Every structure is written in structure tokens, then in C-alpha cells.
Amino acid sequence: MPIYEYECSKCKQVHEVIQKFSEEPLKNCPLCGGQLKKLVSQSSFILKGSGWYVTDYVRKNTSNNGSKGKDSENKSIERTKKESKKETSK
């Protein structure tokens, strides 16, 4: 649901209200009862879920590639430890 901004003509207080698109605009200030004027403000939104460029198609950071290298290094260290244990047990 969008957030709308209203300014009171009497007390000059600005109110942010979450409303459905289908709801009627507010007419009276909840603080003083003055007439409200709907303001035009810059809106922002976030694309959530799958199927968006941000979630599915954007390139991953190179830091992810660096972590893969560390995993392969750890596996090779584990292999050499296992091999050295086998040799010492013979």
C-alpha cells in the first residue's frame, strides 16, 4: 500500500498515511480538524520476489568468487591431511 502525505492548512503539520488506492483521500486533520491538502511527493519502491533483474540477472560480486577459492583451498588441505595420516599408519 502506498504512503500518502497530507499537509494541514491550519496547523501546517504534515502527516504520512498508509492508504489503499481505492480509499478516499483524507479531508480533516486528526490533530486540529483543519482542512488537509494532499501533497505530491517522490515515491520509492522495492522489487521483491523472483523474476526481477536485481534478484535473478545481476552479476554477483567478485567476493563470492574469492570465497569459492578458499573452499577449494580448504578441501585440498583436508586431502593432504588425510593422505599424510594414511602414510603414517602404513
PDB file of N, CA and C in Angstrom:
ATOM      1  N   MET A   1       0.839  -1.177   0.000  1.00  0.00           N
ATOM      2  CA  MET A   1       0.000   0.000   0.000  1.00  0.00           C
ATOM      3  C   MET A   1       0.889   1.247   0.000  1.00  0.00           C
ATOM      4  N   PRO A   2       0.480   2.249  -0.727  1.00  0.00           N
ATOM      5  CA  PRO A   2       1.282   3.468  -0.813  1.00  0.00           C
ATOM      6  C   PRO A   2       1.157   4.336   0.433  1.00  0.00           C
ATOM      7  N   ILE A   3       2.147   5.178   0.618  1.00  0.00           N
ATOM      8  CA  ILE A   3       2.147   6.159   1.695  1.00  0.00           C
ATOM      9  C   ILE A   3       1.856   7.517   1.075  1.00  0.00           C
ATOM     10  N   TYR A   4       0.820   8.173   1.579  1.00  0.00           N
ATOM     11  CA  TYR A   4       0.451   9.492   1.094  1.00  0.00           C
ATOM     12  C   TYR A   4       0.805  10.528   2.153  1.00  0.00           C
ATOM     13  N   GLU A   5       1.138  11.732   1.685  1.00  0.00           N
ATOM     14  CA  GLU A   5       1.432  12.838   2.581  1.00  0.00           C
ATOM     15  C   GLU A   5       0.331  13.889   2.450  1.00  0.00           C
ATOM     16  N   TYR A   6      -0.095  14.382   3.602  1.00  0.00           N
ATOM     17  CA  TYR A   6      -1.097  15.437   3.667  1.00  0.00           C
ATOM     18  C   TYR A   6      -0.547  16.568   4.518  1.00  0.00           C
ATOM     19  N   GLU A   7      -0.878  17.823   4.131  1.00  0.00           N
ATOM     20  CA  GLU A   7      -0.495  18.984   4.928  1.00  0.00           C
ATOM     21  C   GLU A   7      -1.758  19.713   5.376  1.00  0.00           C
ATOM     22  N   CYS A   8      -1.803  20.047   6.647  1.00  0.00           N
ATOM     23  CA  CYS A   8      -2.940  20.767   7.203  1.00  0.00           C
ATOM     24  C   CYS A   8      -2.812  22.254   6.876  1.00  0.00           C
ATOM     25  N   SER A   9      -3.895  22.854   6.402  1.00  0.00           N
ATOM     26  CA  SER A   9      -3.868  24.279   6.071  1.00  0.00           C
ATOM     27  C   SER A   9      -3.911  25.149   7.325  1.00  0.00           C
ATOM     28  N   LYS A  10      -4.354  24.578   8.441  1.00  0.00           N
ATOM     29  CA  LYS A  10      -4.484  25.351   9.681  1.00  0.00           C
ATOM     30  C   LYS A  10      -3.213  25.298  10.537  1.00  0.00           C
ATOM     31  N   CYS A  11      -2.759  24.069  10.860  1.00  0.00           N
ATOM     32  CA  CYS A  11      -1.596  23.934  11.763  1.00  0.00           C
ATOM     33  C   CYS A  11      -0.289  23.654  11.015  1.00  0.00           C
ATOM     34  N   LYS A  12      -0.355  23.490   9.694  1.00  0.00           N
ATOM     35  CA  LYS A  12       0.814  23.259   8.830  1.00  0.00           C
ATOM     36  C   LYS A  12       1.567  21.950   9.157  1.00  0.00           C
ATOM     37  N   GLN A  13       0.924  21.060   9.896  1.00  0.00           N
ATOM     38  CA  GLN A  13       1.517  19.752  10.220  1.00  0.00           C
ATOM     39  C   GLN A  13       1.416  18.848   8.990  1.00  0.00           C
ATOM     40  N   VAL A  14       2.489  18.096   8.694  1.00  0.00           N
ATOM     41  CA  VAL A  14       2.492  17.142   7.582  1.00  0.00           C
ATOM     42  C   VAL A  14       2.287  15.747   8.160  1.00  0.00           C
ATOM     43  N   HIS A  15       1.348  15.007   7.580  1.00  0.00           N
ATOM     44  CA  HIS A  15       1.008  13.659   8.038  1.00  0.00           C
ATOM     45  C   HIS A  15       1.315  12.663   6.936  1.00  0.00           C
ATOM     46  N   GLU A  16       1.906  11.540   7.296  1.00  0.00           N
ATOM     47  CA  GLU A  16       2.098  10.423   6.368  1.00  0.00           C
ATOM     48  C   GLU A  16       1.080   9.359   6.719  1.00  0.00           C
ATOM     49  N   VAL A  17       0.315   8.919   5.716  1.00  0.00           N
ATOM     50  CA  VAL A  17      -0.762   7.965   5.948  1.00  0.00           C
ATOM     51  C   VAL A  17      -0.648   6.832   4.943  1.00  0.00           C
ATOM     52  N   ILE A  18      -0.722   5.591   5.430  1.00  0.00           N
ATOM     53  CA  ILE A  18      -0.744   4.420   4.552  1.00  0.00           C
ATOM     54  C   ILE A  18      -2.193   4.168   4.174  1.00  0.00           C
ATOM     55  N   GLN A  19      -2.477   4.222   2.869  1.00  0.00           N
ATOM     56  CA  GLN A  19      -3.839   4.036   2.391  1.00  0.00           C
ATOM     57  C   GLN A  19      -3.851   3.154   1.152  1.00  0.00           C
ATOM     58  N   LYS A  20      -4.960   2.480   0.939  1.00  0.00           N
ATOM     59  CA  LYS A  20      -5.167   1.723  -0.299  1.00  0.00           C
ATOM     60  C   LYS A  20      -5.434   2.714  -1.427  1.00  0.00           C
ATOM     61  N   PHE A  21      -5.223   2.256  -2.665  1.00  0.00           N
ATOM     62  CA  PHE A  21      -5.514   3.108  -3.815  1.00  0.00           C
ATOM     63  C   PHE A  21      -7.004   3.463  -3.860  1.00  0.00           C
ATOM     64  N   SER A  22      -7.832   2.520  -3.445  1.00  0.00           N
ATOM     65  CA  SER A  22      -9.277   2.702  -3.555  1.00  0.00           C
ATOM     66  C   SER A  22      -9.876   3.582  -2.455  1.00  0.00           C
ATOM     67  N   GLU A  23      -9.123   3.905  -1.403  1.00  0.00           N
ATOM     68  CA  GLU A  23      -9.640   4.726  -0.304  1.00  0.00           C
ATOM     69  C   GLU A  23      -9.750   6.189  -0.724  1.00  0.00           C
ATOM     70  N   GLU A  24     -10.744   6.857  -0.151  1.00  0.00           N
ATOM     71  CA  GLU A  24     -10.925   8.292  -0.381  1.00  0.00           C
ATOM     72  C   GLU A  24      -9.818   9.065   0.333  1.00  0.00           C
ATOM     73  N   PRO A  25      -9.339  10.166  -0.249  1.00  0.00           N
ATOM     74  CA  PRO A  25      -8.332  10.992   0.422  1.00  0.00           C
ATOM     75  C   PRO A  25      -8.879  11.559   1.737  1.00  0.00           C
ATOM     76  N   LEU A  26      -7.994  11.777   2.701  1.00  0.00           N
ATOM     77  CA  LEU A  26      -8.395  12.380   3.968  1.00  0.00           C
ATOM     78  C   LEU A  26      -8.762  13.841   3.749  1.00  0.00           C
ATOM     79  N   LYS A  27      -9.713  14.327   4.555  1.00  0.00           N
ATOM     80  CA  LYS A  27     -10.172  15.711   4.393  1.00  0.00           C
ATOM     81  C   LYS A  27      -9.872  16.573   5.602  1.00  0.00           C
ATOM     82  N   ASN A  28      -9.868  15.978   6.807  1.00  0.00           N
ATOM     83  CA  ASN A  28      -9.683  16.752   8.035  1.00  0.00           C
ATOM     84  C   ASN A  28      -8.449  16.291   8.786  1.00  0.00           C
ATOM     85  N   CYS A  29      -7.741  17.239   9.372  1.00  0.00           N
ATOM     86  CA  CYS A  29      -6.540  16.970  10.164  1.00  0.00           C
ATOM     87  C   CYS A  29      -6.920  16.234  11.451  1.00  0.00           C
ATOM     88  N   PRO A  30      -6.221  15.148  11.773  1.00  0.00           N
ATOM     89  CA  PRO A  30      -6.541  14.424  13.004  1.00  0.00           C
ATOM     90  C   PRO A  30      -6.145  15.202  14.265  1.00  0.00           C
ATOM     91  N   LEU A  31      -5.266  16.206  14.155  1.00  0.00           N
ATOM     92  CA  LEU A  31      -4.824  16.972  15.323  1.00  0.00           C
ATOM     93  C   LEU A  31      -5.722  18.174  15.623  1.00  0.00           C
ATOM     94  N   CYS A  32      -6.003  18.971  14.598  1.00  0.00           N
ATOM     95  CA  CYS A  32      -6.741  20.217  14.849  1.00  0.00           C
ATOM     96  C   CYS A  32      -8.073  20.298  14.108  1.00  0.00           C
ATOM     97  N   GLY A  33      -8.324  19.389  13.193  1.00  0.00           N
ATOM     98  CA  GLY A  33      -9.580  19.402  12.441  1.00  0.00           C
ATOM     99  C   GLY A  33      -9.562  20.288  11.217  1.00  0.00           C
ATOM    100  N   GLY A  34      -8.398  20.882  10.909  1.00  0.00           N
ATOM    101  CA  GLY A  34      -8.281  21.750   9.732  1.00  0.00           C
ATOM    102  C   GLY A  34      -8.359  20.952   8.436  1.00  0.00           C
ATOM    103  N   GLN A  35      -8.460  21.667   7.326  1.00  0.00           N
ATOM    104  CA  GLN A  35      -8.569  21.028   6.012  1.00  0.00           C
ATOM    105  C   GLN A  35      -7.202  20.517   5.560  1.00  0.00           C
ATOM    106  N   LEU A  36      -7.168  19.275   5.072  1.00  0.00           N
ATOM    107  CA  LEU A  36      -5.924  18.666   4.593  1.00  0.00           C
ATOM    108  C   LEU A  36      -5.786  18.829   3.092  1.00  0.00           C
ATOM    109  N   LYS A  37      -4.552  19.012   2.669  1.00  0.00           N
ATOM    110  CA  LYS A  37      -4.218  19.093   1.245  1.00  0.00           C
ATOM    111  C   LYS A  37      -3.263  17.936   0.949  1.00  0.00           C
ATOM    112  N   LYS A  38      -3.580  17.142  -0.067  1.00  0.00           N
ATOM    113  CA  LYS A  38      -2.732  16.011  -0.447  1.00  0.00           C
ATOM    114  C   LYS A  38      -1.490  16.539  -1.156  1.00  0.00           C
ATOM    115  N   LEU A  39      -0.311  16.117  -0.691  1.00  0.00           N
ATOM    116  CA  LEU A  39       0.946  16.560  -1.277  1.00  0.00           C
ATOM    117  C   LEU A  39       1.430  15.561  -2.322  1.00  0.00           C
ATOM    118  N   VAL A  40       2.160  16.075  -3.290  1.00  0.00           N
ATOM    119  CA  VAL A  40       2.805  15.216  -4.277  1.00  0.00           C
ATOM    120  C   VAL A  40       4.247  15.044  -3.830  1.00  0.00           C
ATOM    121  N   SER A  41       4.639  13.806  -3.605  1.00  0.00           N
ATOM    122  CA  SER A  41       5.994  13.553  -3.113  1.00  0.00           C
ATOM    123  C   SER A  41       6.648  12.474  -3.960  1.00  0.00           C
ATOM    124  N   GLN A  42       7.957  12.408  -3.848  1.00  0.00           N
ATOM    125  CA  GLN A  42       8.715  11.402  -4.574  1.00  0.00           C
ATOM    126  C   GLN A  42       8.465  10.052  -3.921  1.00  0.00           C
ATOM    127  N   SER A  43       8.128   9.097  -4.730  1.00  0.00           N
ATOM    128  CA  SER A  43       7.863   7.768  -4.180  1.00  0.00           C
ATOM    129  C   SER A  43       9.025   6.833  -4.501  1.00  0.00           C
ATOM    130  N   SER A  44       9.127   5.791  -3.703  1.00  0.00           N
ATOM    131  CA  SER A  44      10.129   4.762  -3.965  1.00  0.00           C
ATOM    132  C   SER A  44       9.472   3.407  -3.766  1.00  0.00           C
ATOM    133  N   PHE A  45      10.060   2.385  -4.357  1.00  0.00           N
ATOM    134  CA  PHE A  45       9.516   1.053  -4.204  1.00  0.00           C
ATOM    135  C   PHE A  45      10.644   0.050  -4.297  1.00  0.00           C
ATOM    136  N   ILE A  46      10.384  -1.140  -3.812  1.00  0.00           N
ATOM    137  CA  ILE A  46      11.361  -2.223  -3.835  1.00  0.00           C
ATOM    138  C   ILE A  46      10.745  -3.396  -4.575  1.00  0.00           C
ATOM    139  N   LEU A  47      11.480  -3.950  -5.510  1.00  0.00           N
ATOM    140  CA  LEU A  47      11.022  -5.120  -6.242  1.00  0.00           C
ATOM    141  C   LEU A  47      11.383  -6.359  -5.434  1.00  0.00           C
ATOM    142  N   LYS A  48      10.378  -7.089  -4.976  1.00  0.00           N
ATOM    143  CA  LYS A  48      10.615  -8.285  -4.174  1.00  0.00           C
ATOM    144  C   LYS A  48      10.161  -9.504  -4.951  1.00  0.00           C
ATOM    145  N   GLY A  49      10.767 -10.630  -4.627  1.00  0.00           N
ATOM    146  CA  GLY A  49      10.400 -11.875  -5.286  1.00  0.00           C
ATOM    147  C   GLY A  49      11.349 -12.189  -6.423  1.00  0.00           C
ATOM    148  N   SER A  50      11.069 -13.243  -7.131  1.00  0.00           N
ATOM    149  CA  SER A  50      11.946 -13.643  -8.228  1.00  0.00           C
ATOM    150  C   SER A  50      11.434 -13.080  -9.547  1.00  0.00           C
ATOM    151  N   GLY A  51      12.297 -13.120 -10.552  1.00  0.00           N
ATOM    152  CA  GLY A  51      11.913 -12.644 -11.867  1.00  0.00           C
ATOM    153  C   GLY A  51      12.335 -11.221 -12.161  1.00  0.00           C
ATOM    154  N   TRP A  52      12.969 -10.551 -11.235  1.00  0.00           N
ATOM    155  CA  TRP A  52      13.424  -9.190 -11.435  1.00  0.00           C
ATOM    156  C   TRP A  52      14.919  -9.198 -11.714  1.00  0.00           C
ATOM    157  N   TYR A  53      15.386  -8.181 -12.381  1.00  0.00           N
ATOM    158  CA  TYR A  53      16.805  -8.065 -12.712  1.00  0.00           C
ATOM    159  C   TYR A  53      17.672  -8.118 -11.463  1.00  0.00           C
ATOM    160  N   VAL A  54      17.251  -7.425 -10.432  1.00  0.00           N
ATOM    161  CA  VAL A  54      18.045  -7.327  -9.205  1.00  0.00           C
ATOM    162  C   VAL A  54      18.245  -8.697  -8.564  1.00  0.00           C
ATOM    163  N   THR A  55      17.212  -9.537  -8.584  1.00  0.00           N
ATOM    164  CA  THR A  55      17.297 -10.824  -7.884  1.00  0.00           C
ATOM    165  C   THR A  55      17.824 -11.958  -8.750  1.00  0.00           C
ATOM    166  N   ASP A  56      17.600 -11.897 -10.054  1.00  0.00           N
ATOM    167  CA  ASP A  56      17.940 -13.052 -10.882  1.00  0.00           C
ATOM    168  C   ASP A  56      19.059 -12.833 -11.894  1.00  0.00           C
ATOM    169  N   TYR A  57      19.222 -11.627 -12.404  1.00  0.00           N
ATOM    170  CA  TYR A  57      20.109 -11.438 -13.542  1.00  0.00           C
ATOM    171  C   TYR A  57      21.339 -10.593 -13.274  1.00  0.00           C
ATOM    172  N   VAL A  58      21.397  -9.946 -12.144  1.00  0.00           N
ATOM    173  CA  VAL A  58      22.533  -9.079 -11.859  1.00  0.00           C
ATOM    174  C   VAL A  58      23.768  -9.944 -11.574  1.00  0.00           C
ATOM    175  N   ARG A  59      24.916  -9.446 -11.966  1.00  0.00           N
ATOM    176  CA  ARG A  59      26.158 -10.180 -11.715  1.00  0.00           C
ATOM    177  C   ARG A  59      26.479 -10.183 -10.236  1.00  0.00           C
ATOM    178  N   LYS A  60      26.988 -11.274  -9.785  1.00  0.00           N
ATOM    179  CA  LYS A  60      27.358 -11.381  -8.374  1.00  0.00           C
ATOM    180  C   LYS A  60      28.684 -10.678  -8.158  1.00  0.00           C
ATOM    181  N   ASN A  61      28.940 -10.245  -6.917  1.00  0.00           N
ATOM    182  CA  ASN A  61      30.197  -9.582  -6.573  1.00  0.00           C
ATOM    183  C   ASN A  61      31.359 -10.542  -6.740  1.00  0.00           C
ATOM    184  N   THR A  62      32.528 -10.005  -6.958  1.00  0.00           N
ATOM    185  CA  THR A  62      33.714 -10.841  -7.083  1.00  0.00           C
ATOM    186  C   THR A  62      34.098 -11.453  -5.755  1.00  0.00           C
ATOM    187  N   SER A  63      33.562 -10.934  -4.652  1.00  0.00           N
ATOM    188  CA  SER A  63      33.868 -11.503  -3.338  1.00  0.00           C
ATOM    189  C   SER A  63      33.332 -12.924  -3.243  1.00  0.00           C
ATOM    190  N   ASN A  64      32.246 -13.238  -3.959  1.00  0.00           N
ATOM    191  CA  ASN A  64      31.730 -14.602  -3.970  1.00  0.00           C
ATOM    192  C   ASN A  64      32.735 -15.541  -4.628  1.00  0.00           C
ATOM    193  N   ASN A  65      33.388 -15.064  -5.688  1.00  0.00           N
ATOM    194  CA  ASN A  65      34.386 -15.888  -6.360  1.00  0.00           C
ATOM    195  C   ASN A  65      35.568 -16.157  -5.437  1.00  0.00           C
ATOM    196  N   GLY A  66      35.926 -15.172  -4.628  1.00  0.00           N
ATOM    197  CA  GLY A  66      37.033 -15.333  -3.695  1.00  0.00           C
ATOM    198  C   GLY A  66      36.721 -16.381  -2.650  1.00  0.00           C
ATOM    199  N   SER A  67      35.487 -16.463  -2.205  1.00  0.00           N
ATOM    200  CA  SER A  67      35.132 -17.455  -1.196  1.00  0.00           C
ATOM    201  C   SER A  67      35.175 -18.856  -1.777  1.00  0.00           C
ATOM    202  N   LYS A  68      34.863 -19.007  -3.069  1.00  0.00           N
ATOM    203  CA  LYS A  68      34.952 -20.324  -3.695  1.00  0.00           C
ATOM    204  C   LYS A  68      36.397 -20.802  -3.721  1.00  0.00           C
ATOM    205  N   GLY A  69      37.314 -19.872  -3.960  1.00  0.00           N
ATOM    206  CA  GLY A  69      38.727 -20.230  -3.966  1.00  0.00           C
ATOM    207  C   GLY A  69      39.171 -20.714  -2.603  1.00  0.00           C
ATOM    208  N   LYS A  70      38.690 -20.096  -1.558  1.00  0.00           N
ATOM    209  CA  LYS A  70      39.043 -20.504  -0.202  1.00  0.00           C
ATOM    210  C   LYS A  70      38.497 -21.890   0.095  1.00  0.00           C
ATOM    211  N   ASP A  71      37.298 -22.199  -0.393  1.00  0.00           N
ATOM    212  CA  ASP A  71      36.725 -23.523  -0.182  1.00  0.00           C
ATOM    213  C   ASP A  71      37.579 -24.595  -0.835  1.00  0.00           C
ATOM    214  N   SER A  72      38.040 -24.325  -2.050  1.00  0.00           N
ATOM    215  CA  SER A  72      38.870 -25.313  -2.734  1.00  0.00           C
ATOM    216  C   SER A  72      40.218 -25.459  -2.030  1.00  0.00           C
ATOM    217  N   GLU A  73      40.734 -24.359  -1.468  1.00  0.00           N
ATOM    218  CA  GLU A  73      41.981 -24.443  -0.710  1.00  0.00           C
ATOM    219  C   GLU A  73      41.787 -25.283   0.541  1.00  0.00           C
ATOM    220  N   ASN A  74      40.679 -25.089   1.234  1.00  0.00           N
ATOM    221  CA  ASN A  74      40.397 -25.865   2.438  1.00  0.00           C
ATOM    222  C   ASN A  74      40.262 -27.347   2.118  1.00  0.00           C
ATOM    223  N   LYS A  75      39.622 -27.682   1.009  1.00  0.00           N
ATOM    224  CA  LYS A  75      39.461 -29.085   0.608  1.00  0.00           C
ATOM    225  C   LYS A  75      40.807 -29.715   0.292  1.00  0.00           C
ATOM    226  N   SER A  76      41.682 -28.958  -0.380  1.00  0.00           N
ATOM    227  CA  SER A  76      42.987 -29.512  -0.711  1.00  0.00           C
ATOM    228  C   SER A  76      43.828 -29.717   0.548  1.00  0.00           C
ATOM    229  N   ILE A  77      43.684 -28.846   1.530  1.00  0.00           N
ATOM    230  CA  ILE A  77      44.397 -29.006   2.797  1.00  0.00           C
ATOM    231  C   ILE A  77      43.894 -30.252   3.520  1.00  0.00           C
ATOM    232  N   GLU A  78      42.567 -30.446   3.514  1.00  0.00           N
ATOM    233  CA  GLU A  78      41.996 -31.632   4.145  1.00  0.00           C
ATOM    234  C   GLU A  78      42.488 -32.905   3.467  1.00  0.00           C
ATOM    235  N   ARG A  79      42.580 -32.885   2.125  1.00  0.00           N
ATOM    236  CA  ARG A  79      43.074 -34.065   1.395  1.00  0.00           C
ATOM    237  C   ARG A  79      44.506 -34.388   1.792  1.00  0.00           C
ATOM    238  N   THR A  80      45.332 -33.351   1.881  1.00  0.00           N
ATOM    239  CA  THR A  80      46.734 -33.607   2.229  1.00  0.00           C
ATOM    240  C   THR A  80      46.848 -34.131   3.658  1.00  0.00           C
ATOM    241  N   LYS A  81      45.983 -33.669   4.564  1.00  0.00           N
ATOM    242  CA  LYS A  81      45.986 -34.184   5.931  1.00  0.00           C
ATOM    243  C   LYS A  81      45.601 -35.659   5.942  1.00  0.00           C
ATOM    244  N   LYS A  82      44.580 -36.019   5.170  1.00  0.00           N
ATOM    245  CA  LYS A  82      44.139 -37.411   5.114  1.00  0.00           C
ATOM    246  C   LYS A  82      45.224 -38.296   4.517  1.00  0.00           C
ATOM    247  N   GLU A  83      45.870 -37.783   3.458  1.00  0.00           N
ATOM    248  CA  GLU A  83      46.932 -38.567   2.820  1.00  0.00           C
ATOM    249  C   GLU A  83      48.097 -38.772   3.769  1.00  0.00           C
ATOM    250  N   SER A  84      48.439 -37.753   4.534  1.00  0.00           N
ATOM    251  CA  SER A  84      49.568 -37.886   5.460  1.00  0.00           C
ATOM    252  C   SER A  84      49.205 -38.849   6.595  1.00  0.00           C
ATOM    253  N   LYS A  85      47.958 -38.899   7.029  1.00  0.00           N
ATOM    254  CA  LYS A  85      47.536 -39.850   8.048  1.00  0.00           C
ATOM    255  C   LYS A  85      47.629 -41.282   7.518  1.00  0.00           C
ATOM    256  N   LYS A  86      47.239 -41.466   6.248  1.00  0.00           N
ATOM    257  CA  LYS A  86      47.302 -42.806   5.642  1.00  0.00           C
ATOM    258  C   LYS A  86      48.760 -43.279   5.577  1.00  0.00           C
ATOM    259  N   GLU A  87      49.650 -42.381   5.183  1.00  0.00           N
ATOM    260  CA  GLU A  87      51.051 -42.743   5.055  1.00  0.00           C
ATOM    261  C   GLU A  87      51.659 -43.085   6.411  1.00  0.00           C
ATOM    262  N   THR A  88      51.328 -42.356   7.449  1.00  0.00           N
ATOM    263  CA  THR A  88      51.876 -42.625   8.769  1.00  0.00           C
ATOM    264  C   THR A  88      51.307 -43.915   9.366  1.00  0.00           C
ATOM    265  N   SER A  89      50.097 -44.297   8.984  1.00  0.00           N
ATOM    266  CA  SER A  89      49.500 -45.514   9.522  1.00  0.00           C
ATOM    267  C   SER A  89      50.093 -46.759   8.858  1.00  0.00           C
ATOM    268  N   LYS A  90      50.700 -46.666   7.672  1.00  0.00           N
ATOM    269  CA  LYS A  90      51.274 -47.820   6.963  1.00  0.00           C
ATOM    270  C   LYS A  90      52.519 -48.275   7.581  1.00  0.00           C
TER     271      LYS A  90
END
